[in-house]
Amino acid sequence: MSSSDAFGKLIFRLSLGGLMLFHGVAKVTSPGSLQWIGTNLSSFGLPPELAYGVYAGEILAPVLIILGLFTRVGGLLMAINMIVAVLLVHMGELTAITSSGGWQLELQALYLFGGLALFFMGGGRYAVRPN
């Protein structure tokens, strides 16, 4: 792998993980968010305790990705988190277009497919655990 490929993976990891981490911190600092997620899960017949999984997808996964430690696992956790978010909250927006012409779910898609990309390519050379 060339140094530019490794540097590109580092930039991608820092961007994707750093931006998702803001969502996780917001969940931790907003007292009602976990209860809201639990209520949504309950409406699908799932136990509300599964809401704690959001911490795996929006805190643990981004930290792993940023550090380059078990990057593939972090990418998979992030992708799963986004699939659940789309299924629980965003299905009504699946075909929606914004007023500026973008897809309504482009942010969710970026996190989902970015997580999958890291799952398949790994974290690169500039990581705590290079691969």
C-alpha atoms as a PDB file:
ATOM      1  CA  MET A   1       0.000   0.000   0.000  1.00  0.00           C
ATOM      2  CA  SER A   2       1.359   3.400  -0.918  1.00  0.00           C
ATOM      3  CA  SER A   3       1.708   6.127   1.677  1.00  0.00           C
ATOM      4  CA  SER A   4      -0.966   8.180  -0.111  1.00  0.00           C
ATOM      5  CA  ASP A   5      -3.427   5.254   0.180  1.00  0.00           C
ATOM      6  CA  ALA A   6      -2.637   4.926   3.888  1.00  0.00           C
ATOM      7  CA  PHE A   7      -3.007   8.677   4.406  1.00  0.00           C
ATOM      8  CA  GLY A   8      -6.320   8.650   2.528  1.00  0.00           C
ATOM      9  CA  LYS A   9      -7.621   5.908   4.832  1.00  0.00           C
ATOM     10  CA  LEU A  10      -6.512   7.939   7.846  1.00  0.00           C
ATOM     11  CA  ILE A  11      -8.384  11.028   6.616  1.00  0.00           C
ATOM     12  CA  PHE A  12     -11.472   8.898   5.895  1.00  0.00           C
ATOM     13  CA  ARG A  13     -11.343   7.254   9.335  1.00  0.00           C
ATOM     14  CA  LEU A  14     -10.919  10.554  11.167  1.00  0.00           C
ATOM     15  CA  SER A  15     -13.716  12.203   9.178  1.00  0.00           C
ATOM     16  CA  LEU A  16     -16.256   9.394   9.413  1.00  0.00           C
ATOM     17  CA  GLY A  17     -15.532   8.513  13.031  1.00  0.00           C
ATOM     18  CA  GLY A  18     -15.215  12.096  14.196  1.00  0.00           C
ATOM     19  CA  LEU A  19     -18.489  13.200  12.649  1.00  0.00           C
ATOM     20  CA  MET A  20     -20.427  10.181  13.938  1.00  0.00           C
ATOM     21  CA  LEU A  21     -19.012  10.698  17.421  1.00  0.00           C
ATOM     22  CA  PHE A  22     -20.895  14.015  17.619  1.00  0.00           C
ATOM     23  CA  HIS A  23     -24.154  12.062  17.232  1.00  0.00           C
ATOM     24  CA  GLY A  24     -23.135   9.702  20.040  1.00  0.00           C
ATOM     25  CA  VAL A  25     -22.159  12.519  22.381  1.00  0.00           C
ATOM     26  CA  ALA A  26     -25.521  14.177  21.675  1.00  0.00           C
ATOM     27  CA  LYS A  27     -27.260  10.943  22.708  1.00  0.00           C
ATOM     28  CA  VAL A  28     -25.303  10.835  25.970  1.00  0.00           C
ATOM     29  CA  THR A  29     -25.931  14.482  26.820  1.00  0.00           C
ATOM     30  CA  SER A  30     -29.640  14.498  25.839  1.00  0.00           C
ATOM     31  CA  PRO A  31     -31.473  12.691  28.628  1.00  0.00           C
ATOM     32  CA  GLY A  32     -34.587  11.783  26.628  1.00  0.00           C
ATOM     33  CA  SER A  33     -32.908  10.416  23.515  1.00  0.00           C
ATOM     34  CA  LEU A  34     -32.361   6.899  24.820  1.00  0.00           C
ATOM     35  CA  GLN A  35     -35.957   6.703  26.032  1.00  0.00           C
ATOM     36  CA  TRP A  36     -37.180   7.958  22.622  1.00  0.00           C
ATOM     37  CA  ILE A  37     -35.162   5.239  20.865  1.00  0.00           C
ATOM     38  CA  GLY A  38     -36.501   2.644  23.318  1.00  0.00           C
ATOM     39  CA  THR A  39     -40.067   3.750  22.573  1.00  0.00           C
ATOM     40  CA  ASN A  40     -39.431   3.364  18.843  1.00  0.00           C
ATOM     41  CA  LEU A  41     -38.015  -0.116  19.405  1.00  0.00           C
ATOM     42  CA  SER A  42     -41.058  -1.058  21.505  1.00  0.00           C
ATOM     43  CA  SER A  43     -43.391   0.016  18.711  1.00  0.00           C
ATOM     44  CA  PHE A  44     -41.720  -2.660  16.566  1.00  0.00           C
ATOM     45  CA  GLY A  45     -42.144  -5.273  19.299  1.00  0.00           C
ATOM     46  CA  LEU A  46     -38.491  -5.116  20.348  1.00  0.00           C
ATOM     47  CA  PRO A  47     -37.235  -4.702  23.912  1.00  0.00           C
ATOM     48  CA  PRO A  48     -36.530  -1.042  24.714  1.00  0.00           C
ATOM     49  CA  GLU A  49     -33.217  -2.064  26.325  1.00  0.00           C
ATOM     50  CA  LEU A  50     -31.840  -2.527  22.819  1.00  0.00           C
ATOM     51  CA  ALA A  51     -31.662   1.285  22.714  1.00  0.00           C
ATOM     52  CA  TYR A  52     -28.337   1.011  24.534  1.00  0.00           C
ATOM     53  CA  GLY A  53     -26.956  -0.414  21.290  1.00  0.00           C
ATOM     54  CA  VAL A  54     -26.859   3.130  19.966  1.00  0.00           C
ATOM     55  CA  TYR A  55     -23.816   3.637  22.190  1.00  0.00           C
ATOM     56  CA  ALA A  56     -22.029   0.815  20.372  1.00  0.00           C
ATOM     57  CA  GLY A  57     -22.796   2.356  16.989  1.00  0.00           C
ATOM     58  CA  GLU A  58     -22.292   6.016  17.841  1.00  0.00           C
ATOM     59  CA  ILE A  59     -19.642   6.025  20.601  1.00  0.00           C
ATOM     60  CA  LEU A  60     -17.680   2.764  20.554  1.00  0.00           C
ATOM     61  CA  ALA A  61     -17.573   2.342  16.764  1.00  0.00           C
ATOM     62  CA  PRO A  62     -16.362   5.895  16.049  1.00  0.00           C
ATOM     63  CA  VAL A  63     -13.663   5.652  18.724  1.00  0.00           C
ATOM     64  CA  LEU A  64     -12.429   2.349  17.252  1.00  0.00           C
ATOM     65  CA  ILE A  65     -12.481   3.871  13.769  1.00  0.00           C
ATOM     66  CA  ILE A  66     -10.657   7.055  14.793  1.00  0.00           C
ATOM     67  CA  LEU A  67      -7.942   5.091  16.579  1.00  0.00           C
ATOM     68  CA  GLY A  68      -7.667   2.470  13.884  1.00  0.00           C
ATOM     69  CA  LEU A  69      -8.202  -0.239  16.474  1.00  0.00           C
ATOM     70  CA  PHE A  70     -10.427  -3.080  15.237  1.00  0.00           C
ATOM     71  CA  THR A  71     -11.454  -0.736  12.425  1.00  0.00           C
ATOM     72  CA  ARG A  72     -13.379  -3.440  10.573  1.00  0.00           C
ATOM     73  CA  VAL A  73     -15.476  -4.179  13.680  1.00  0.00           C
ATOM     74  CA  GLY A  74     -16.096  -0.455  14.176  1.00  0.00           C
ATOM     75  CA  GLY A  75     -17.166  -0.067  10.559  1.00  0.00           C
ATOM     76  CA  LEU A  76     -19.572  -2.989  10.835  1.00  0.00           C
ATOM     77  CA  LEU A  77     -21.058  -1.637  14.088  1.00  0.00           C
ATOM     78  CA  MET A  78     -21.584   1.745  12.450  1.00  0.00           C
ATOM     79  CA  ALA A  79     -23.246   0.181   9.407  1.00  0.00           C
ATOM     80  CA  ILE A  80     -25.577  -1.929  11.560  1.00  0.00           C
ATOM     81  CA  ASN A  81     -26.428   1.126  13.662  1.00  0.00           C
ATOM     82  CA  MET A  82     -27.428   3.034  10.533  1.00  0.00           C
ATOM     83  CA  ILE A  83     -29.529   0.174   9.163  1.00  0.00           C
ATOM     84  CA  VAL A  84     -31.464   0.091  12.445  1.00  0.00           C
ATOM     85  CA  ALA A  85     -31.831   3.901  12.417  1.00  0.00           C
ATOM     86  CA  VAL A  86     -33.229   3.857   8.885  1.00  0.00           C
ATOM     87  CA  LEU A  87     -35.620   0.991   9.648  1.00  0.00           C
ATOM     88  CA  LEU A  88     -36.873   2.563  12.895  1.00  0.00           C
ATOM     89  CA  VAL A  89     -37.028   6.232  12.005  1.00  0.00           C
ATOM     90  CA  HIS A  90     -36.308   7.069   8.378  1.00  0.00           C
ATOM     91  CA  MET A  91     -38.311   4.647   6.210  1.00  0.00           C
ATOM     92  CA  GLY A  92     -40.751   7.413   5.293  1.00  0.00           C
ATOM     93  CA  GLU A  93     -37.845   9.416   3.860  1.00  0.00           C
ATOM     94  CA  LEU A  94     -36.408   6.624   1.740  1.00  0.00           C
ATOM     95  CA  THR A  95     -37.523   8.173  -1.540  1.00  0.00           C
ATOM     96  CA  ALA A  96     -37.626  11.807  -0.392  1.00  0.00           C
ATOM     97  CA  ILE A  97     -35.593  14.562  -2.015  1.00  0.00           C
ATOM     98  CA  THR A  98     -34.626  17.747  -0.165  1.00  0.00           C
ATOM     99  CA  SER A  99     -35.505  21.229  -1.422  1.00  0.00           C
ATOM    100  CA  SER A 100     -31.927  21.576  -2.696  1.00  0.00           C
ATOM    101  CA  GLY A 101     -32.172  18.359  -4.731  1.00  0.00           C
ATOM    102  CA  GLY A 102     -30.253  16.000  -2.465  1.00  0.00           C
ATOM    103  CA  TRP A 103     -31.468  12.668  -1.138  1.00  0.00           C
ATOM    104  CA  GLN A 104     -33.114  13.049   2.268  1.00  0.00           C
ATOM    105  CA  LEU A 105     -31.071  10.140   3.653  1.00  0.00           C
ATOM    106  CA  GLU A 106     -27.678  11.098   2.243  1.00  0.00           C
ATOM    107  CA  LEU A 107     -26.126  11.532   5.704  1.00  0.00           C
ATOM    108  CA  GLN A 108     -27.409   8.151   6.862  1.00  0.00           C
ATOM    109  CA  ALA A 109     -26.163   6.604   3.607  1.00  0.00           C
ATOM    110  CA  LEU A 110     -22.726   8.156   4.090  1.00  0.00           C
ATOM    111  CA  TYR A 111     -22.400   6.587   7.541  1.00  0.00           C
ATOM    112  CA  LEU A 112     -23.834   3.253   6.397  1.00  0.00           C
ATOM    113  CA  PHE A 113     -21.682   2.861   3.289  1.00  0.00           C
ATOM    114  CA  GLY A 114     -18.659   4.495   4.906  1.00  0.00           C
ATOM    115  CA  GLY A 115     -18.863   1.933   7.700  1.00  0.00           C
ATOM    116  CA  LEU A 116     -19.145  -0.862   5.141  1.00  0.00           C
ATOM    117  CA  ALA A 117     -16.161   0.514   3.225  1.00  0.00           C
ATOM    118  CA  LEU A 118     -14.047   0.428   6.391  1.00  0.00           C
ATOM    119  CA  PHE A 119     -15.276  -3.083   7.129  1.00  0.00           C
ATOM    120  CA  PHE A 120     -13.947  -4.237   3.764  1.00  0.00           C
ATOM    121  CA  MET A 121     -10.739  -2.172   3.485  1.00  0.00           C
ATOM    122  CA  GLY A 122      -9.593  -1.884   7.092  1.00  0.00           C
ATOM    123  CA  GLY A 123      -7.919   1.046   8.756  1.00  0.00           C
ATOM    124  CA  GLY A 124      -4.675   1.248   6.847  1.00  0.00           C
ATOM    125  CA  ARG A 125      -1.097   1.733   7.947  1.00  0.00           C
ATOM    126  CA  TYR A 126      -1.608   4.799  10.150  1.00  0.00           C
ATOM    127  CA  ALA A 127      -3.600   3.054  12.866  1.00  0.00           C
ATOM    128  CA  VAL A 128      -3.128   1.691  16.371  1.00  0.00           C
ATOM    129  CA  ARG A 129      -3.627  -1.744  14.843  1.00  0.00           C
ATOM    130  CA  PRO A 130      -2.568  -1.445  11.185  1.00  0.00           C
ATOM    131  CA  ASN A 131      -3.920  -3.785   8.546  1.00  0.00           C
END
